[in-house]
PDB file of all heavy atoms in Angstrom:
ATOM      1  N   ASP A   1      -6.969   4.421  -2.409  1.00  0.00           N
ATOM      2  CA  ASP A   1      -7.336   3.085  -1.937  1.00  0.00           C
ATOM      3  C   ASP A   1      -7.125   2.022  -3.004  1.00  0.00           C
ATOM      4  O   ASP A   1      -7.485   0.869  -2.815  1.00  0.00           O
ATOM      5  CB  ASP A   1      -8.807   3.071  -1.505  1.00  0.00           C
ATOM      6  CG  ASP A   1      -9.036   3.879  -0.245  1.00  0.00           C
ATOM      7  OD1 ASP A   1      -8.109   3.959   0.579  1.00  0.00           O
ATOM      8  OD2 ASP A   1     -10.130   4.434  -0.086  1.00  0.00           O
ATOM      9  N   ALA A   2      -6.559   2.417  -4.142  1.00  0.00           N
ATOM     10  CA  ALA A   2      -6.428   1.502  -5.269  1.00  0.00           C
ATOM     11  C   ALA A   2      -5.285   0.498  -5.090  1.00  0.00           C
ATOM     12  O   ALA A   2      -5.358  -0.609  -5.583  1.00  0.00           O
ATOM     13  CB  ALA A   2      -6.223   2.294  -6.565  1.00  0.00           C
ATOM     14  N   LEU A   3      -4.203   0.892  -4.416  1.00  0.00           N
ATOM     15  CA  LEU A   3      -3.011   0.057  -4.252  1.00  0.00           C
ATOM     16  C   LEU A   3      -2.543  -0.509  -5.593  1.00  0.00           C
ATOM     17  O   LEU A   3      -2.239  -1.689  -5.726  1.00  0.00           O
ATOM     18  CB  LEU A   3      -3.244  -1.053  -3.224  1.00  0.00           C
ATOM     19  CG  LEU A   3      -3.618  -0.597  -1.817  1.00  0.00           C
ATOM     20  CD1 LEU A   3      -3.724  -1.795  -0.880  1.00  0.00           C
ATOM     21  CD2 LEU A   3      -2.651   0.426  -1.268  1.00  0.00           C
ATOM     22  N   THR A   4      -2.461   0.360  -6.567  1.00  0.00           N
ATOM     23  CA  THR A   4      -2.006   0.013  -7.910  1.00  0.00           C
ATOM     24  C   THR A   4      -0.496  -0.213  -7.909  1.00  0.00           C
ATOM     25  O   THR A   4       0.247   0.534  -7.291  1.00  0.00           O
ATOM     26  CB  THR A   4      -2.352   1.158  -8.890  1.00  0.00           C
ATOM     27  OG1 THR A   4      -3.760   1.390  -8.825  1.00  0.00           O
ATOM     28  CG2 THR A   4      -1.941   0.832 -10.302  1.00  0.00           C
ATOM     29  N   ILE A   5      -0.054  -1.231  -8.626  1.00  0.00           N
ATOM     30  CA  ILE A   5       1.377  -1.497  -8.776  1.00  0.00           C
ATOM     31  C   ILE A   5       1.908  -0.525  -9.823  1.00  0.00           C
ATOM     32  O   ILE A   5       1.377  -0.419 -10.926  1.00  0.00           O
ATOM     33  CB  ILE A   5       1.631  -2.949  -9.230  1.00  0.00           C
ATOM     34  CG1 ILE A   5       0.944  -3.952  -8.294  1.00  0.00           C
ATOM     35  CG2 ILE A   5       3.126  -3.223  -9.330  1.00  0.00           C
ATOM     36  CD1 ILE A   5       1.382  -3.880  -6.860  1.00  0.00           C
ATOM     37  N   THR A   6       2.970   0.181  -9.477  1.00  0.00           N
ATOM     38  CA  THR A   6       3.562   1.173 -10.370  1.00  0.00           C
ATOM     39  C   THR A   6       5.072   1.117 -10.234  1.00  0.00           C
ATOM     40  O   THR A   6       5.596   0.457  -9.340  1.00  0.00           O
ATOM     41  CB  THR A   6       3.040   2.592 -10.018  1.00  0.00           C
ATOM     42  OG1 THR A   6       3.600   3.526 -10.938  1.00  0.00           O
ATOM     43  CG2 THR A   6       3.398   2.986  -8.614  1.00  0.00           C
ATOM     44  N   ASN A   7       5.775   1.827 -11.101  1.00  0.00           N
ATOM     45  CA  ASN A   7       7.239   1.843 -11.008  1.00  0.00           C
ATOM     46  C   ASN A   7       7.757   3.204 -10.562  1.00  0.00           C
ATOM     47  O   ASN A   7       8.894   3.550 -10.830  1.00  0.00           O
ATOM     48  CB  ASN A   7       7.878   1.419 -12.331  1.00  0.00           C
ATOM     49  CG  ASN A   7       7.526   2.361 -13.460  1.00  0.00           C
ATOM     50  OD1 ASN A   7       6.743   3.297 -13.295  1.00  0.00           O
ATOM     51  ND2 ASN A   7       8.098   2.131 -14.621  1.00  0.00           N
ATOM     52  N   ALA A   8       6.947   3.977  -9.882  1.00  0.00           N
ATOM     53  CA  ALA A   8       7.398   5.270  -9.368  1.00  0.00           C
ATOM     54  C   ALA A   8       8.473   5.058  -8.304  1.00  0.00           C
ATOM     55  O   ALA A   8       8.362   4.146  -7.481  1.00  0.00           O
ATOM     56  CB  ALA A   8       6.222   6.042  -8.777  1.00  0.00           C
ATOM     57  N   PRO A   9       9.508   5.893  -8.289  1.00  0.00           N
ATOM     58  CA  PRO A   9      10.569   5.717  -7.298  1.00  0.00           C
ATOM     59  C   PRO A   9      10.156   6.075  -5.873  1.00  0.00           C
ATOM     60  O   PRO A   9      10.776   5.623  -4.927  1.00  0.00           O
ATOM     61  CB  PRO A   9      11.678   6.644  -7.790  1.00  0.00           C
ATOM     62  CG  PRO A   9      11.067   7.532  -8.800  1.00  0.00           C
ATOM     63  CD  PRO A   9       9.819   6.908  -9.286  1.00  0.00           C
ATOM     64  N   THR A  10       9.098   6.869  -5.716  1.00  0.00           N
ATOM     65  CA  THR A  10       8.626   7.241  -4.383  1.00  0.00           C
ATOM     66  C   THR A  10       7.170   6.836  -4.245  1.00  0.00           C
ATOM     67  O   THR A  10       6.336   7.200  -5.076  1.00  0.00           O
ATOM     68  CB  THR A  10       8.767   8.755  -4.152  1.00  0.00           C
ATOM     69  OG1 THR A  10      10.131   9.142  -4.362  1.00  0.00           O
ATOM     70  CG2 THR A  10       8.351   9.136  -2.741  1.00  0.00           C
ATOM     71  N   LEU A  11       6.880   6.090  -3.206  1.00  0.00           N
ATOM     72  CA  LEU A  11       5.534   5.573  -2.975  1.00  0.00           C
ATOM     73  C   LEU A  11       5.012   6.068  -1.641  1.00  0.00           C
ATOM     74  O   LEU A  11       5.712   5.997  -0.634  1.00  0.00           O
ATOM     75  CB  LEU A  11       5.565   4.039  -2.971  1.00  0.00           C
ATOM     76  CG  LEU A  11       4.271   3.302  -2.637  1.00  0.00           C
ATOM     77  CD1 LEU A  11       3.214   3.538  -3.717  1.00  0.00           C
ATOM     78  CD2 LEU A  11       4.558   1.821  -2.457  1.00  0.00           C
ATOM     79  N   LEU A  12       3.799   6.581  -1.638  1.00  0.00           N
ATOM     80  CA  LEU A  12       3.107   6.916  -0.399  1.00  0.00           C
ATOM     81  C   LEU A  12       2.141   5.779  -0.121  1.00  0.00           C
ATOM     82  O   LEU A  12       1.414   5.355  -1.017  1.00  0.00           O
ATOM     83  CB  LEU A  12       2.345   8.236  -0.553  1.00  0.00           C
ATOM     84  CG  LEU A  12       3.171   9.431  -1.031  1.00  0.00           C
ATOM     85  CD1 LEU A  12       2.280  10.658  -1.181  1.00  0.00           C
ATOM     86  CD2 LEU A  12       4.331   9.707  -0.094  1.00  0.00           C
ATOM     87  N   VAL A  13       2.144   5.267   1.095  1.00  0.00           N
ATOM     88  CA  VAL A  13       1.265   4.144   1.437  1.00  0.00           C
ATOM     89  C   VAL A  13       0.393   4.505   2.627  1.00  0.00           C
ATOM     90  O   VAL A  13       0.817   5.259   3.499  1.00  0.00           O
ATOM     91  CB  VAL A  13       2.046   2.845   1.758  1.00  0.00           C
ATOM     92  CG1 VAL A  13       2.813   2.350   0.544  1.00  0.00           C
ATOM     93  CG2 VAL A  13       2.976   3.026   2.935  1.00  0.00           C
ATOM     94  N   PRO A  14      -0.810   3.960   2.676  1.00  0.00           N
ATOM     95  CA  PRO A  14      -1.619   4.185   3.866  1.00  0.00           C
ATOM     96  C   PRO A  14      -1.019   3.426   5.046  1.00  0.00           C
ATOM     97  O   PRO A  14      -0.773   2.233   4.958  1.00  0.00           O
ATOM     98  CB  PRO A  14      -2.992   3.631   3.478  1.00  0.00           C
ATOM     99  CG  PRO A  14      -2.723   2.665   2.368  1.00  0.00           C
ATOM    100  CD  PRO A  14      -1.495   3.153   1.667  1.00  0.00           C
ATOM    101  N   GLY A  15      -0.777   4.134   6.130  1.00  0.00           N
ATOM    102  CA  GLY A  15      -0.268   3.478   7.327  1.00  0.00           C
ATOM    103  C   GLY A  15      -1.359   2.702   8.035  1.00  0.00           C
ATOM    104  O   GLY A  15      -1.106   1.761   8.757  1.00  0.00           O
ATOM    105  N   GLN A  16      -2.588   3.112   7.768  1.00  0.00           N
ATOM    106  CA  GLN A  16      -3.751   2.464   8.369  1.00  0.00           C
ATOM    107  C   GLN A  16      -4.938   2.748   7.473  1.00  0.00           C
ATOM    108  O   GLN A  16      -5.048   3.825   6.891  1.00  0.00           O
ATOM    109  CB  GLN A  16      -3.991   3.034   9.769  1.00  0.00           C
ATOM    110  CG  GLN A  16      -5.167   2.471  10.514  1.00  0.00           C
ATOM    111  CD  GLN A  16      -6.493   3.107  10.129  1.00  0.00           C
ATOM    112  OE1 GLN A  16      -6.563   4.266   9.758  1.00  0.00           O
ATOM    113  NE2 GLN A  16      -7.551   2.333  10.200  1.00  0.00           N
ATOM    114  N   ALA A  17      -5.799   1.780   7.334  1.00  0.00           N
ATOM    115  CA  ALA A  17      -7.052   1.953   6.601  1.00  0.00           C
ATOM    116  C   ALA A  17      -8.015   0.868   7.082  1.00  0.00           C
ATOM    117  O   ALA A  17      -7.575  -0.205   7.507  1.00  0.00           O
ATOM    118  CB  ALA A  17      -6.823   1.841   5.095  1.00  0.00           C
ATOM    119  N   PRO A  18      -9.309   1.115   7.012  1.00  0.00           N
ATOM    120  CA  PRO A  18     -10.285   0.141   7.517  1.00  0.00           C
ATOM    121  C   PRO A  18     -10.165  -1.251   6.898  1.00  0.00           C
ATOM    122  O   PRO A  18     -10.388  -2.240   7.576  1.00  0.00           O
ATOM    123  CB  PRO A  18     -11.628   0.768   7.178  1.00  0.00           C
ATOM    124  CG  PRO A  18     -11.349   2.225   7.099  1.00  0.00           C
ATOM    125  CD  PRO A  18      -9.950   2.341   6.568  1.00  0.00           C
ATOM    126  N   CYS A  19      -9.774  -1.323   5.644  1.00  0.00           N
ATOM    127  CA  CYS A  19      -9.707  -2.624   4.956  1.00  0.00           C
ATOM    128  C   CYS A  19      -8.269  -3.050   4.687  1.00  0.00           C
ATOM    129  O   CYS A  19      -8.013  -3.822   3.776  1.00  0.00           O
ATOM    130  CB  CYS A  19     -10.483  -2.553   3.652  1.00  0.00           C
ATOM    131  SG  CYS A  19     -12.227  -2.219   3.887  1.00  0.00           S
ATOM    132  N   LEU A  20      -7.317  -2.547   5.457  1.00  0.00           N
ATOM    133  CA  LEU A  20      -5.914  -2.849   5.209  1.00  0.00           C
ATOM    134  C   LEU A  20      -5.291  -3.431   6.470  1.00  0.00           C
ATOM    135  O   LEU A  20      -5.343  -2.835   7.536  1.00  0.00           O
ATOM    136  CB  LEU A  20      -5.165  -1.566   4.816  1.00  0.00           C
ATOM    137  CG  LEU A  20      -3.689  -1.727   4.476  1.00  0.00           C
ATOM    138  CD1 LEU A  20      -3.520  -2.461   3.145  1.00  0.00           C
ATOM    139  CD2 LEU A  20      -3.018  -0.365   4.419  1.00  0.00           C
ATOM    140  N   ASN A  21      -4.677  -4.598   6.331  1.00  0.00           N
ATOM    141  CA  ASN A  21      -3.951  -5.169   7.459  1.00  0.00           C
ATOM    142  C   ASN A  21      -2.452  -5.116   7.164  1.00  0.00           C
ATOM    143  O   ASN A  21      -2.035  -4.738   6.070  1.00  0.00           O
ATOM    144  CB  ASN A  21      -4.422  -6.603   7.763  1.00  0.00           C
ATOM    145  CG  ASN A  21      -4.213  -7.542   6.605  1.00  0.00           C
ATOM    146  OD1 ASN A  21      -3.222  -7.468   5.883  1.00  0.00           O
ATOM    147  ND2 ASN A  21      -5.156  -8.454   6.395  1.00  0.00           N
ATOM    148  N   GLN A  22      -1.630  -5.487   8.134  1.00  0.00           N
ATOM    149  CA  GLN A  22      -0.186  -5.385   7.968  1.00  0.00           C
ATOM    150  C   GLN A  22       0.340  -6.277   6.849  1.00  0.00           C
ATOM    151  O   GLN A  22       1.259  -5.896   6.131  1.00  0.00           O
ATOM    152  CB  GLN A  22       0.523  -5.723   9.277  1.00  0.00           C
ATOM    153  CG  GLN A  22       0.315  -4.680  10.339  1.00  0.00           C
ATOM    154  CD  GLN A  22       1.050  -5.015  11.619  1.00  0.00           C
ATOM    155  OE1 GLN A  22       1.468  -6.151  11.840  1.00  0.00           O
ATOM    156  NE2 GLN A  22       1.206  -4.031  12.482  1.00  0.00           N
ATOM    157  N   ILE A  23      -0.242  -7.442   6.677  1.00  0.00           N
ATOM    158  CA  ILE A  23       0.204  -8.344   5.608  1.00  0.00           C
ATOM    159  C   ILE A  23      -0.069  -7.718   4.245  1.00  0.00           C
ATOM    160  O   ILE A  23       0.786  -7.738   3.362  1.00  0.00           O
ATOM    161  CB  ILE A  23      -0.470  -9.725   5.734  1.00  0.00           C
ATOM    162  CG1 ILE A  23       0.031 -10.419   7.006  1.00  0.00           C
ATOM    163  CG2 ILE A  23      -0.208 -10.588   4.502  1.00  0.00           C
ATOM    164  CD1 ILE A  23      -0.717 -11.680   7.365  1.00  0.00           C
ATOM    165  N   ALA A  24      -1.245  -7.138   4.055  1.00  0.00           N
ATOM    166  CA  ALA A  24      -1.571  -6.491   2.786  1.00  0.00           C
ATOM    167  C   ALA A  24      -0.664  -5.294   2.538  1.00  0.00           C
ATOM    168  O   ALA A  24      -0.228  -5.057   1.405  1.00  0.00           O
ATOM    169  CB  ALA A  24      -3.041  -6.069   2.771  1.00  0.00           C
ATOM    170  N   LEU A  25      -0.357  -4.538   3.593  1.00  0.00           N
ATOM    171  CA  LEU A  25       0.540  -3.391   3.454  1.00  0.00           C
ATOM    172  C   LEU A  25       1.928  -3.840   3.001  1.00  0.00           C
ATOM    173  O   LEU A  25       2.490  -3.296   2.044  1.00  0.00           O
ATOM    174  CB  LEU A  25       0.630  -2.630   4.780  1.00  0.00           C
ATOM    175  CG  LEU A  25       1.636  -1.487   4.840  1.00  0.00           C
ATOM    176  CD1 LEU A  25       1.313  -0.412   3.811  1.00  0.00           C
ATOM    177  CD2 LEU A  25       1.680  -0.892   6.242  1.00  0.00           C
ATOM    178  N   LEU A  26       2.479  -4.852   3.662  1.00  0.00           N
ATOM    179  CA  LEU A  26       3.805  -5.349   3.279  1.00  0.00           C
ATOM    180  C   LEU A  26       3.791  -5.971   1.888  1.00  0.00           C
ATOM    181  O   LEU A  26       4.752  -5.799   1.115  1.00  0.00           O
ATOM    182  CB  LEU A  26       4.310  -6.355   4.307  1.00  0.00           C
ATOM    183  CG  LEU A  26       4.683  -5.787   5.665  1.00  0.00           C
ATOM    184  CD1 LEU A  26       5.116  -6.898   6.601  1.00  0.00           C
ATOM    185  CD2 LEU A  26       5.748  -4.714   5.557  1.00  0.00           C
ATOM    186  N   THR A  27       2.744  -6.681   1.544  1.00  0.00           N
ATOM    187  CA  THR A  27       2.636  -7.273   0.206  1.00  0.00           C
ATOM    188  C   THR A  27       2.676  -6.188  -0.862  1.00  0.00           C
ATOM    189  O   THR A  27       3.356  -6.317  -1.881  1.00  0.00           O
ATOM    190  CB  THR A  27       1.342  -8.103   0.086  1.00  0.00           C
ATOM    191  OG1 THR A  27       1.393  -9.159   1.057  1.00  0.00           O
ATOM    192  CG2 THR A  27       1.175  -8.687  -1.300  1.00  0.00           C
ATOM    193  N   TYR A  28       1.970  -5.095  -0.611  1.00  0.00           N
ATOM    194  CA  TYR A  28       1.954  -3.985  -1.568  1.00  0.00           C
ATOM    195  C   TYR A  28       3.324  -3.313  -1.658  1.00  0.00           C
ATOM    196  O   TYR A  28       3.837  -3.088  -2.761  1.00  0.00           O
ATOM    197  CB  TYR A  28       0.880  -2.968  -1.167  1.00  0.00           C
ATOM    198  CG  TYR A  28       0.792  -1.794  -2.104  1.00  0.00           C
ATOM    199  CD1 TYR A  28       0.545  -1.981  -3.462  1.00  0.00           C
ATOM    200  CD2 TYR A  28       0.967  -0.503  -1.643  1.00  0.00           C
ATOM    201  CE1 TYR A  28       0.472  -0.914  -4.324  1.00  0.00           C
ATOM    202  CE2 TYR A  28       0.888   0.575  -2.508  1.00  0.00           C
ATOM    203  CZ  TYR A  28       0.643   0.363  -3.842  1.00  0.00           C
ATOM    204  OH  TYR A  28       0.573   1.436  -4.712  1.00  0.00           O
ATOM    205  N   ILE A  29       3.942  -3.021  -0.523  1.00  0.00           N
ATOM    206  CA  ILE A  29       5.272  -2.396  -0.528  1.00  0.00           C
ATOM    207  C   ILE A  29       6.264  -3.273  -1.285  1.00  0.00           C
ATOM    208  O   ILE A  29       7.058  -2.793  -2.094  1.00  0.00           O
ATOM    209  CB  ILE A  29       5.756  -2.138   0.915  1.00  0.00           C
ATOM    210  CG1 ILE A  29       4.933  -1.016   1.559  1.00  0.00           C
ATOM    211  CG2 ILE A  29       7.249  -1.808   0.948  1.00  0.00           C
ATOM    212  CD1 ILE A  29       5.205  -0.837   3.044  1.00  0.00           C
TER     213      ILE A  29
END
């Protein structure tokens, strides 16, 4: 749930979470 910015070439993201909306998901990606 940290959504830490990293430089890993492969990222796993939550597709859904109670405190996550689509804008926050895209901003993180």
